[in-house]
Protein backbone atom coordinates (compact mmCIF):
# COMPACT_ATOMS: atom_id res chain seq x y z
CA MET A 1 0.09 -0.10 0.12
CA VAL A 2 1.28 3.66 -0.85
CA HIS A 3 2.24 5.54 2.42
CA GLY A 4 -0.66 7.53 3.72
CA GLU A 5 -3.25 5.66 1.50
CA HIS A 6 -5.86 3.69 3.45
CA LYS A 7 -7.54 0.73 2.33
CA PRO A 8 -11.29 1.07 1.29
CA GLU A 9 -14.05 -1.54 1.95
CA ILE A 10 -14.21 -4.03 -0.79
CA LYS A 11 -17.53 -5.48 -1.11
CA LEU A 12 -18.78 -7.95 -4.03
CA VAL A 13 -21.67 -6.51 -5.70
CA GLU A 14 -22.54 -8.65 -8.29
CA VAL A 15 -21.23 -11.86 -10.45
CA ARG A 16 -21.69 -11.78 -14.23
CA THR A 17 -21.04 -14.67 -16.78
CA PRO A 18 -21.11 -12.92 -20.10
CA TYR A 19 -19.38 -15.92 -21.66
CA ASP A 20 -20.41 -19.73 -21.21
CA VAL A 21 -18.80 -21.20 -18.68
CA THR A 22 -20.13 -24.65 -19.12
CA SER A 23 -18.68 -24.62 -22.68
CA GLY A 24 -15.16 -24.88 -22.03
CA SER A 25 -14.18 -22.48 -24.16
CA PRO A 26 -10.78 -20.82 -23.55
CA ARG A 27 -13.07 -17.46 -23.17
CA ALA A 28 -15.27 -18.92 -20.72
CA ALA A 29 -15.07 -16.47 -17.88
CA SER A 30 -16.91 -15.04 -14.92
CA LEU A 31 -16.98 -11.12 -14.14
CA TYR A 32 -16.94 -10.25 -10.31
CA ASP A 33 -18.02 -6.86 -9.83
CA PHE A 34 -16.66 -5.20 -6.57
CA ARG A 35 -17.34 -1.78 -4.96
CA VAL A 36 -13.94 -0.64 -3.97
CA GLY A 37 -14.86 2.65 -1.86
CA ALA A 38 -16.81 4.73 -4.25
CA GLU A 39 -15.74 2.77 -7.34
CA THR A 40 -17.13 -0.28 -9.10
CA VAL A 41 -13.92 -2.60 -10.23
CA THR A 42 -14.37 -5.53 -12.44
CA VAL A 43 -12.38 -8.60 -12.19
CA GLU A 44 -12.67 -11.29 -15.12
CA VAL A 45 -11.81 -14.59 -13.78
CA HIS A 46 -10.90 -17.12 -16.43
CA LEU A 47 -12.72 -20.54 -16.15
CA ALA A 48 -8.94 -22.19 -16.42
CA ALA A 49 -7.94 -20.20 -13.48
CA VAL A 50 -10.63 -21.80 -11.23
CA ARG A 51 -9.66 -25.40 -11.94
CA THR A 52 -7.93 -27.57 -9.67
CA ARG A 53 -6.93 -31.05 -9.44
CA ASP A 54 -10.08 -32.00 -7.72
CA GLY A 55 -12.52 -29.89 -10.00
CA GLN A 56 -13.67 -26.54 -9.98
CA MET A 57 -13.00 -24.05 -7.12
CA PRO A 58 -16.10 -23.49 -4.85
CA PRO A 59 -17.72 -20.09 -5.66
CA GLU A 60 -16.62 -18.74 -2.13
CA LYS A 61 -12.97 -19.40 -2.81
CA VAL A 62 -13.38 -17.70 -6.07
CA ARG A 63 -14.92 -14.58 -4.71
CA ASP A 64 -12.04 -14.55 -2.18
CA ALA A 65 -9.34 -15.09 -4.79
CA ALA A 66 -10.90 -12.34 -6.72
CA LYS A 67 -10.72 -9.83 -3.61
CA ALA A 68 -7.19 -10.75 -2.78
CA PHE A 69 -6.25 -10.32 -6.55
CA LEU A 70 -7.47 -6.47 -6.18
CA GLU A 71 -5.51 -6.13 -2.79
CA LEU A 72 -2.48 -7.26 -4.63
CA GLN A 73 -2.87 -4.73 -7.36
CA ALA A 74 -3.46 -2.08 -5.19
CA GLU A 75 -0.24 -2.94 -3.30
CA HIS A 76 1.55 -2.15 -6.89
CA CYS A 77 -0.27 0.66 -8.23
CA GLY A 78 -2.30 2.22 -5.17
CA TRP A 79 -6.06 2.15 -4.25
CA ASP A 80 -6.47 5.58 -6.39
CA ARG A 81 -5.08 4.25 -9.44
CA LEU A 82 -6.62 0.58 -9.42
CA PRO A 83 -7.79 -0.53 -12.76
CA LYS A 84 -11.47 -0.80 -13.78
CA ASP A 85 -11.08 -3.77 -15.17
CA SER A 86 -8.48 -6.45 -14.85
CA VAL A 87 -8.07 -10.40 -15.49
CA LEU A 88 -7.37 -13.03 -12.88
CA SER A 89 -5.82 -15.64 -15.27
CA THR A 90 -4.28 -18.86 -14.22
CA ALA A 91 -0.68 -17.36 -13.83
CA ALA A 92 -2.20 -14.67 -11.37
CA MET A 93 -4.40 -17.18 -9.67
CA ASP A 94 -1.27 -19.14 -8.71
CA VAL A 95 0.25 -15.85 -7.19
CA VAL A 96 -3.15 -15.39 -5.30
CA ILE A 97 -3.26 -18.80 -4.01
CA ASN A 98 0.25 -18.76 -2.57
CA ARG A 99 -0.73 -15.33 -0.96
CA LEU A 100 -3.79 -16.90 0.54
CA GLY A 101 -1.88 -19.75 1.74
CA TRP A 102 -3.97 -22.26 -0.08
CA PRO A 103 -2.60 -25.32 -1.20
CA PRO A 104 -1.37 -25.35 -5.09
CA ARG A 105 -4.25 -25.79 -7.45
CA PHE A 106 -2.58 -28.85 -9.12
CA GLY A 107 -0.06 -29.89 -6.31
CA ARG A 108 0.08 -33.68 -6.50
CA LYS A 109 -1.17 -35.90 -3.47
CA VAL A 110 1.81 -37.66 -2.02
CA PRO A 111 0.92 -41.16 -0.86
CA PRO A 112 2.37 -42.17 2.52
CA GLN A 113 5.59 -43.80 2.52
CA ASP A 114 6.36 -47.22 3.38
CA THR A 115 9.39 -46.74 5.97
CA GLN A 116 9.82 -50.39 6.71
CA ILE A 117 12.98 -51.94 5.31
CA ARG A 118 12.15 -54.71 3.04
CA GLU A 119 14.68 -57.51 3.10
CA SER A 120 15.84 -58.92 -0.34
């Protein structure tokens, strides 16, 4: 955050799906409209960005990730210069997931190791 700048309230206003999210198309995305202070800011979340090893992220996690993405952007450019429209792509989602301390989207499940010594 830029020195002297305060963090405004961020509130989800609406989720829109202008592209068919069930088609599997590369353009499949949802638009998350947030009220940031007095401004409306939109985050386009690509369908590919919410895919995980176990399927799609739940809507609550996508909302939380989009909000965290806005906060990351504000750290870089300042709340007063936050873009009105931005895209939460797969690469950006990986940064957000790391920031939130969530497990990686496609981290592999490691089976328990057999620690017994086997005789040949």
